Amino acid sequence: MHQQVQLDPGVVLHIGGEASVQFDGERALTFRLIRVDQRSTYDGWLWLEGYVLGPTGVALQRRRIFVKKDGLVKKR
């Protein structure tokens, strides 16, 4: 497993298959976090709100995604 990621607003994450099968392979995202939704959900899963970033770091789309916390990877 990955090291626990601090989910502060503005953190940039790699969202891949370890976070959810819907983001596996070429469907992986670079995602800049706005906030973590506090609603109750399955243990270890989160709703995140933020922006999908393009290759140059420009925000392309605002999205809310459902992911496993242990599968999140902080981009460097």
C-alpha atoms as a PDB file:
ATOM      1  CA  MET A   1       0.000   0.000   0.000  1.00  0.00           C
ATOM      2  CA  HIS A   2       0.940   3.618  -0.448  1.00  0.00           C
ATOM      3  CA  GLN A   3       1.889   5.992   2.313  1.00  0.00           C
ATOM      4  CA  GLN A   4      -1.164   7.805   3.694  1.00  0.00           C
ATOM      5  CA  VAL A   5      -1.797  11.000   1.700  1.00  0.00           C
ATOM      6  CA  GLN A   6      -2.678  14.238   3.522  1.00  0.00           C
ATOM      7  CA  LEU A   7      -5.860  15.433   1.790  1.00  0.00           C
ATOM      8  CA  ASP A   8      -5.521  19.206   2.034  1.00  0.00           C
ATOM      9  CA  PRO A   9      -7.141  21.544  -0.506  1.00  0.00           C
ATOM     10  CA  GLY A  10      -4.792  22.134  -3.427  1.00  0.00           C
ATOM     11  CA  VAL A  11      -2.931  18.812  -3.176  1.00  0.00           C
ATOM     12  CA  VAL A  12      -2.406  17.200  -6.592  1.00  0.00           C
ATOM     13  CA  LEU A  13      -3.123  13.480  -6.764  1.00  0.00           C
ATOM     14  CA  HIS A  14      -2.631  10.669  -9.236  1.00  0.00           C
ATOM     15  CA  ILE A  15      -5.942   8.807  -9.421  1.00  0.00           C
ATOM     16  CA  GLY A  16      -5.358   5.392 -10.970  1.00  0.00           C
ATOM     17  CA  GLY A  17      -6.634   1.851 -10.785  1.00  0.00           C
ATOM     18  CA  GLU A  18      -5.564   1.416  -7.156  1.00  0.00           C
ATOM     19  CA  ALA A  19      -8.026   4.175  -6.215  1.00  0.00           C
ATOM     20  CA  SER A  20     -10.860   2.719  -8.340  1.00  0.00           C
ATOM     21  CA  VAL A  21     -11.117   0.378 -11.318  1.00  0.00           C
ATOM     22  CA  GLN A  22     -12.825   3.158 -13.298  1.00  0.00           C
ATOM     23  CA  PHE A  23      -9.492   5.053 -13.360  1.00  0.00           C
ATOM     24  CA  ASP A  24      -7.269   2.136 -14.430  1.00  0.00           C
ATOM     25  CA  GLY A  25      -4.690   2.467 -17.219  1.00  0.00           C
ATOM     26  CA  GLU A  26      -5.302   5.249 -19.716  1.00  0.00           C
ATOM     27  CA  ARG A  27      -8.304   6.449 -17.706  1.00  0.00           C
ATOM     28  CA  ALA A  28      -6.058   7.609 -14.832  1.00  0.00           C
ATOM     29  CA  LEU A  29      -6.416  11.249 -13.771  1.00  0.00           C
ATOM     30  CA  THR A  30      -4.237  13.986 -12.388  1.00  0.00           C
ATOM     31  CA  PHE A  31      -6.570  15.626  -9.870  1.00  0.00           C
ATOM     32  CA  ARG A  32      -6.254  18.845  -7.819  1.00  0.00           C
ATOM     33  CA  LEU A  33      -8.332  18.517  -4.671  1.00  0.00           C
ATOM     34  CA  ILE A  34     -10.843  21.166  -3.645  1.00  0.00           C
ATOM     35  CA  ARG A  35     -12.400  19.282  -0.746  1.00  0.00           C
ATOM     36  CA  VAL A  36     -13.246  15.917   0.750  1.00  0.00           C
ATOM     37  CA  ASP A  37     -17.000  15.384   1.002  1.00  0.00           C
ATOM     38  CA  GLN A  38     -17.815  14.527   4.625  1.00  0.00           C
ATOM     39  CA  ARG A  39     -20.877  12.377   3.906  1.00  0.00           C
ATOM     40  CA  SER A  40     -20.786   8.864   5.317  1.00  0.00           C
ATOM     41  CA  THR A  41     -19.758   6.123   2.885  1.00  0.00           C
ATOM     42  CA  TYR A  42     -18.143   2.681   2.805  1.00  0.00           C
ATOM     43  CA  ASP A  43     -15.167   2.192   5.125  1.00  0.00           C
ATOM     44  CA  GLY A  44     -11.979   3.371   3.402  1.00  0.00           C
ATOM     45  CA  TRP A  45     -13.771   5.113   0.509  1.00  0.00           C
ATOM     46  CA  LEU A  46     -14.163   8.869  -0.049  1.00  0.00           C
ATOM     47  CA  TRP A  47     -15.942  11.320  -2.294  1.00  0.00           C
ATOM     48  CA  LEU A  48     -13.439  13.927  -3.530  1.00  0.00           C
ATOM     49  CA  GLU A  49     -14.277  17.167  -5.311  1.00  0.00           C
ATOM     50  CA  GLY A  50     -11.705  18.856  -7.482  1.00  0.00           C
ATOM     51  CA  TYR A  51     -10.307  19.516 -10.937  1.00  0.00           C
ATOM     52  CA  VAL A  52      -8.976  17.110 -13.535  1.00  0.00           C
ATOM     53  CA  LEU A  53      -5.680  18.594 -14.750  1.00  0.00           C
ATOM     54  CA  GLY A  54      -4.265  18.389 -18.263  1.00  0.00           C
ATOM     55  CA  PRO A  55      -0.628  17.607 -19.125  1.00  0.00           C
ATOM     56  CA  THR A  56       0.415  21.240 -18.546  1.00  0.00           C
ATOM     57  CA  GLY A  57      -1.364  21.463 -15.169  1.00  0.00           C
ATOM     58  CA  VAL A  58      -4.326  23.474 -16.464  1.00  0.00           C
ATOM     59  CA  ALA A  59      -7.724  22.581 -14.988  1.00  0.00           C
ATOM     60  CA  LEU A  60      -9.850  20.893 -17.655  1.00  0.00           C
ATOM     61  CA  GLN A  61     -12.943  19.768 -15.775  1.00  0.00           C
ATOM     62  CA  ARG A  62     -14.456  19.973 -12.302  1.00  0.00           C
ATOM     63  CA  ARG A  63     -15.494  16.549 -10.987  1.00  0.00           C
ATOM     64  CA  ARG A  64     -16.634  14.649  -7.930  1.00  0.00           C
ATOM     65  CA  ILE A  65     -15.079  11.175  -7.758  1.00  0.00           C
ATOM     66  CA  PHE A  66     -15.493   8.132  -5.487  1.00  0.00           C
ATOM     67  CA  VAL A  67     -12.168   6.509  -4.557  1.00  0.00           C
ATOM     68  CA  LYS A  68     -10.379   4.271  -2.059  1.00  0.00           C
ATOM     69  CA  LYS A  69      -8.249   6.402   0.251  1.00  0.00           C
ATOM     70  CA  ASP A  70      -5.440   3.803   0.338  1.00  0.00           C
ATOM     71  CA  GLY A  71      -5.143   3.993  -3.461  1.00  0.00           C
ATOM     72  CA  LEU A  72      -4.422   7.728  -3.641  1.00  0.00           C
ATOM     73  CA  VAL A  73      -0.935   8.850  -4.674  1.00  0.00           C
ATOM     74  CA  LYS A  74       0.369  12.393  -4.194  1.00  0.00           C
ATOM     75  CA  LYS A  75       1.987  13.830  -7.339  1.00  0.00           C
ATOM     76  CA  ARG A  76       5.462  15.320  -6.863  1.00  0.00           C
END
